């Protein structure tokens, strides 16, 4: 199984979800069964490392982000089994690319799996450290729920 996390620039939210989910899957012994990747709907930061503030927040919570930003492309619909949009704008950007009902069915809102409630994962890019920690907390608990869901699919 292959899953993909998608945000705007692939430098804050989606690479964090990628790293957190990957670690949680490894801890449950599922890393060899589920491949994790992330991408951005914009190409602003292609090839860049994750934002230094997000890497610092993640490291402070025991997570290492080792990812270079990449752009989401139409071929990702066929490459991945499940695609998580971090916010409604990211979903809309991908929806404009749908060619089939199967492609539409693969894309879900990330926080649909958040036990604390649905909605968008806020983009911390223009904020301070508290915003990055808030995003970490959202991503951690939501990934835990996603891992439980994926485990049932295997």
C-alpha atoms as a PDB file:
ATOM      1  CA  UNK A   1       0.000   0.000   0.000  1.00  0.00           C
ATOM      2  CA  UNK A   2       1.199   3.500  -0.801  1.00  0.00           C
ATOM      3  CA  UNK A   3      -0.043   6.712   0.832  1.00  0.00           C
ATOM      4  CA  UNK A   4       0.674  10.353   0.085  1.00  0.00           C
ATOM      5  CA  UNK A   5       0.290  13.493   2.225  1.00  0.00           C
ATOM      6  CA  UNK A   6      -0.246  16.742   0.307  1.00  0.00           C
ATOM      7  CA  UNK A   7      -0.074  20.387   1.408  1.00  0.00           C
ATOM      8  CA  UNK A   8       0.724  23.635  -0.404  1.00  0.00           C
ATOM      9  CA  UNK A   9       4.526  23.759  -0.652  1.00  0.00           C
ATOM     10  CA  UNK A  10       5.519  20.404   0.853  1.00  0.00           C
ATOM     11  CA  UNK A  11       7.779  22.101   3.403  1.00  0.00           C
ATOM     12  CA  UNK A  12       5.697  22.179   6.615  1.00  0.00           C
ATOM     13  CA  UNK A  13       2.563  20.087   7.086  1.00  0.00           C
ATOM     14  CA  UNK A  14       2.888  17.227   4.611  1.00  0.00           C
ATOM     15  CA  UNK A  15       6.558  16.404   5.263  1.00  0.00           C
ATOM     16  CA  UNK A  16       5.741  16.377   8.980  1.00  0.00           C
ATOM     17  CA  UNK A  17       2.819  13.985   8.415  1.00  0.00           C
ATOM     18  CA  UNK A  18       5.088  11.892   6.190  1.00  0.00           C
ATOM     19  CA  UNK A  19       7.758  11.598   8.912  1.00  0.00           C
ATOM     20  CA  UNK A  20       5.328  11.077  11.811  1.00  0.00           C
ATOM     21  CA  UNK A  21       3.287   8.436   9.982  1.00  0.00           C
ATOM     22  CA  UNK A  22       6.402   6.634   8.778  1.00  0.00           C
ATOM     23  CA  UNK A  23       7.766   6.454  12.329  1.00  0.00           C
ATOM     24  CA  UNK A  24       4.448   5.233  13.730  1.00  0.00           C
ATOM     25  CA  UNK A  25       4.214   2.550  11.032  1.00  0.00           C
ATOM     26  CA  UNK A  26       7.775   1.407  11.818  1.00  0.00           C
ATOM     27  CA  UNK A  27       6.963   1.218  15.531  1.00  0.00           C
ATOM     28  CA  UNK A  28       3.986  -1.041  14.766  1.00  0.00           C
ATOM     29  CA  UNK A  29       6.004  -3.245  12.408  1.00  0.00           C
ATOM     30  CA  UNK A  30       4.059  -2.050   9.374  1.00  0.00           C
ATOM     31  CA  UNK A  31       6.812  -0.087   7.633  1.00  0.00           C
ATOM     32  CA  UNK A  32       7.482  -2.778   5.057  1.00  0.00           C
ATOM     33  CA  UNK A  33       3.790  -2.980   4.125  1.00  0.00           C
ATOM     34  CA  UNK A  34       2.965   0.716   3.717  1.00  0.00           C
ATOM     35  CA  UNK A  35       5.052   3.224   1.786  1.00  0.00           C
ATOM     36  CA  UNK A  36       4.709   6.896   2.760  1.00  0.00           C
ATOM     37  CA  UNK A  37       5.505  10.009   0.711  1.00  0.00           C
ATOM     38  CA  UNK A  38       4.517  13.672   0.605  1.00  0.00           C
ATOM     39  CA  UNK A  39       4.118  16.374  -2.030  1.00  0.00           C
ATOM     40  CA  UNK A  40       2.905  19.922  -2.558  1.00  0.00           C
ATOM     41  CA  UNK A  41       0.274  21.274  -4.931  1.00  0.00           C
ATOM     42  CA  UNK A  42       2.550  24.229  -5.694  1.00  0.00           C
ATOM     43  CA  UNK A  43       6.044  24.071  -7.082  1.00  0.00           C
ATOM     44  CA  UNK A  44       7.399  27.027  -5.059  1.00  0.00           C
ATOM     45  CA  UNK A  45       9.818  24.953  -2.997  1.00  0.00           C
ATOM     46  CA  UNK A  46      10.635  21.942  -5.186  1.00  0.00           C
ATOM     47  CA  UNK A  47      13.916  20.424  -4.029  1.00  0.00           C
ATOM     48  CA  UNK A  48      14.007  22.365  -0.756  1.00  0.00           C
ATOM     49  CA  UNK A  49      14.292  20.761   2.657  1.00  0.00           C
ATOM     50  CA  UNK A  50      11.354  21.061   5.029  1.00  0.00           C
ATOM     51  CA  UNK A  51      11.064  24.456   6.721  1.00  0.00           C
ATOM     52  CA  UNK A  52      13.732  24.765   9.429  1.00  0.00           C
ATOM     53  CA  UNK A  53      11.107  25.707  12.046  1.00  0.00           C
ATOM     54  CA  UNK A  54       9.121  22.558  11.287  1.00  0.00           C
ATOM     55  CA  UNK A  55      12.268  20.423  11.414  1.00  0.00           C
ATOM     56  CA  UNK A  56      13.138  21.988  14.775  1.00  0.00           C
ATOM     57  CA  UNK A  57       9.636  21.398  16.163  1.00  0.00           C
ATOM     58  CA  UNK A  58       9.633  17.826  14.905  1.00  0.00           C
ATOM     59  CA  UNK A  59      13.092  17.132  16.363  1.00  0.00           C
ATOM     60  CA  UNK A  60      11.951  18.528  19.701  1.00  0.00           C
ATOM     61  CA  UNK A  61       9.199  15.915  19.632  1.00  0.00           C
ATOM     62  CA  UNK A  62      11.448  13.013  18.626  1.00  0.00           C
ATOM     63  CA  UNK A  63      10.780  13.066  14.874  1.00  0.00           C
ATOM     64  CA  UNK A  64      13.400  13.532  12.153  1.00  0.00           C
ATOM     65  CA  UNK A  65      12.211  15.025   8.870  1.00  0.00           C
ATOM     66  CA  UNK A  66      14.468  14.000   6.002  1.00  0.00           C
ATOM     67  CA  UNK A  67      12.604  15.068   2.887  1.00  0.00           C
ATOM     68  CA  UNK A  68      13.025  17.283  -0.163  1.00  0.00           C
ATOM     69  CA  UNK A  69       9.929  19.046  -1.454  1.00  0.00           C
ATOM     70  CA  UNK A  70       8.326  17.714  -4.589  1.00  0.00           C
ATOM     71  CA  UNK A  71       5.379  18.786  -6.714  1.00  0.00           C
ATOM     72  CA  UNK A  72       2.141  16.784  -6.829  1.00  0.00           C
ATOM     73  CA  UNK A  73       1.433  15.535 -10.351  1.00  0.00           C
ATOM     74  CA  UNK A  74      -1.453  13.769 -12.005  1.00  0.00           C
ATOM     75  CA  UNK A  75       0.536  10.508 -12.071  1.00  0.00           C
ATOM     76  CA  UNK A  76       0.336  10.468  -8.247  1.00  0.00           C
ATOM     77  CA  UNK A  77      -3.319   9.420  -8.577  1.00  0.00           C
ATOM     78  CA  UNK A  78      -2.230   6.137 -10.140  1.00  0.00           C
ATOM     79  CA  UNK A  79       0.881   5.757  -7.979  1.00  0.00           C
ATOM     80  CA  UNK A  80      -0.823   6.045  -4.559  1.00  0.00           C
ATOM     81  CA  UNK A  81      -3.694   4.162  -2.965  1.00  0.00           C
ATOM     82  CA  UNK A  82      -4.719   6.924  -0.568  1.00  0.00           C
ATOM     83  CA  UNK A  83      -3.966  10.649  -0.748  1.00  0.00           C
ATOM     84  CA  UNK A  84      -4.451  12.958   2.245  1.00  0.00           C
ATOM     85  CA  UNK A  85      -5.137  16.674   1.650  1.00  0.00           C
ATOM     86  CA  UNK A  86      -4.027  18.859   4.541  1.00  0.00           C
ATOM     87  CA  UNK A  87      -6.626  21.565   3.846  1.00  0.00           C
ATOM     88  CA  UNK A  88      -9.609  22.347   1.600  1.00  0.00           C
ATOM     89  CA  UNK A  89      -7.516  24.456  -0.780  1.00  0.00           C
ATOM     90  CA  UNK A  90      -5.110  21.556  -1.310  1.00  0.00           C
ATOM     91  CA  UNK A  91      -8.105  19.281  -1.928  1.00  0.00           C
ATOM     92  CA  UNK A  92      -9.556  21.756  -4.459  1.00  0.00           C
ATOM     93  CA  UNK A  93      -6.234  22.000  -6.287  1.00  0.00           C
ATOM     94  CA  UNK A  94      -6.113  18.229  -6.640  1.00  0.00           C
ATOM     95  CA  UNK A  95      -9.833  18.023  -7.514  1.00  0.00           C
ATOM     96  CA  UNK A  96      -9.226  20.188 -10.591  1.00  0.00           C
ATOM     97  CA  UNK A  97      -6.977  17.384 -11.823  1.00  0.00           C
ATOM     98  CA  UNK A  98      -9.484  14.524 -11.362  1.00  0.00           C
ATOM     99  CA  UNK A  99     -10.199  12.617 -14.565  1.00  0.00           C
ATOM    100  CA  UNK A 100     -12.007   9.647 -13.036  1.00  0.00           C
ATOM    101  CA  UNK A 101     -14.185   8.765 -10.087  1.00  0.00           C
ATOM    102  CA  UNK A 102     -11.410   6.434  -8.872  1.00  0.00           C
ATOM    103  CA  UNK A 103      -9.028   9.378  -8.624  1.00  0.00           C
ATOM    104  CA  UNK A 104     -11.598  11.368  -6.635  1.00  0.00           C
ATOM    105  CA  UNK A 105     -12.171   8.472  -4.248  1.00  0.00           C
ATOM    106  CA  UNK A 106      -8.466   8.252  -3.404  1.00  0.00           C
ATOM    107  CA  UNK A 107      -8.289  11.815  -2.016  1.00  0.00           C
ATOM    108  CA  UNK A 108      -9.507  12.411   1.543  1.00  0.00           C
ATOM    109  CA  UNK A 109      -9.170  15.209   4.035  1.00  0.00           C
ATOM    110  CA  UNK A 110      -6.381  14.482   6.536  1.00  0.00           C
ATOM    111  CA  UNK A 111      -8.381  15.693   9.535  1.00  0.00           C
ATOM    112  CA  UNK A 112     -11.315  13.434   8.692  1.00  0.00           C
ATOM    113  CA  UNK A 113      -9.216  11.028  10.777  1.00  0.00           C
ATOM    114  CA  UNK A 114      -8.555  13.500  13.621  1.00  0.00           C
ATOM    115  CA  UNK A 115     -10.243  12.290  16.828  1.00  0.00           C
ATOM    116  CA  UNK A 116     -10.395  15.939  18.009  1.00  0.00           C
ATOM    117  CA  UNK A 117     -12.443  17.078  15.010  1.00  0.00           C
ATOM    118  CA  UNK A 118     -12.454  17.727  11.296  1.00  0.00           C
ATOM    119  CA  UNK A 119     -11.267  20.764   9.377  1.00  0.00           C
ATOM    120  CA  UNK A 120      -8.060  22.097   7.906  1.00  0.00           C
ATOM    121  CA  UNK A 121      -4.569  21.619   9.261  1.00  0.00           C
ATOM    122  CA  UNK A 122      -3.526  25.261   9.695  1.00  0.00           C
ATOM    123  CA  UNK A 123      -0.490  26.366   7.720  1.00  0.00           C
ATOM    124  CA  UNK A 124       2.092  27.514  10.302  1.00  0.00           C
ATOM    125  CA  UNK A 125       4.408  29.115   7.733  1.00  0.00           C
ATOM    126  CA  UNK A 126       3.671  32.760   8.623  1.00  0.00           C
ATOM    127  CA  UNK A 127       3.316  32.191  12.365  1.00  0.00           C
ATOM    128  CA  UNK A 128       5.484  31.553  15.363  1.00  0.00           C
ATOM    129  CA  UNK A 129       6.657  28.466  17.287  1.00  0.00           C
ATOM    130  CA  UNK A 130       3.248  27.868  18.898  1.00  0.00           C
ATOM    131  CA  UNK A 131       1.697  27.377  15.464  1.00  0.00           C
ATOM    132  CA  UNK A 132       4.298  24.781  14.535  1.00  0.00           C
ATOM    133  CA  UNK A 133       3.724  22.911  17.809  1.00  0.00           C
ATOM    134  CA  UNK A 134      -0.048  23.057  17.279  1.00  0.00           C
ATOM    135  CA  UNK A 135       0.397  21.512  13.828  1.00  0.00           C
ATOM    136  CA  UNK A 136       2.663  18.838  15.304  1.00  0.00           C
ATOM    137  CA  UNK A 137      -0.008  17.942  17.884  1.00  0.00           C
ATOM    138  CA  UNK A 138      -2.727  17.729  15.215  1.00  0.00           C
ATOM    139  CA  UNK A 139      -0.541  15.621  12.930  1.00  0.00           C
ATOM    140  CA  UNK A 140       0.599  13.239  15.665  1.00  0.00           C
ATOM    141  CA  UNK A 141      -2.881  12.334  16.895  1.00  0.00           C
ATOM    142  CA  UNK A 142      -4.331  12.195  13.383  1.00  0.00           C
ATOM    143  CA  UNK A 143      -1.543   9.938  12.122  1.00  0.00           C
ATOM    144  CA  UNK A 144      -2.187   7.604  15.052  1.00  0.00           C
ATOM    145  CA  UNK A 145      -5.788   7.299  13.870  1.00  0.00           C
ATOM    146  CA  UNK A 146      -4.694   6.844  10.240  1.00  0.00           C
ATOM    147  CA  UNK A 147      -2.271   4.070  11.206  1.00  0.00           C
ATOM    148  CA  UNK A 148      -5.066   2.215  13.020  1.00  0.00           C
ATOM    149  CA  UNK A 149      -7.247   2.614   9.897  1.00  0.00           C
ATOM    150  CA  UNK A 150      -4.477   1.384   7.572  1.00  0.00           C
ATOM    151  CA  UNK A 151      -3.701  -1.566   9.822  1.00  0.00           C
ATOM    152  CA  UNK A 152      -7.301  -2.734   9.355  1.00  0.00           C
ATOM    153  CA  UNK A 153      -6.890  -2.500   5.564  1.00  0.00           C
ATOM    154  CA  UNK A 154      -3.951  -4.930   5.459  1.00  0.00           C
END
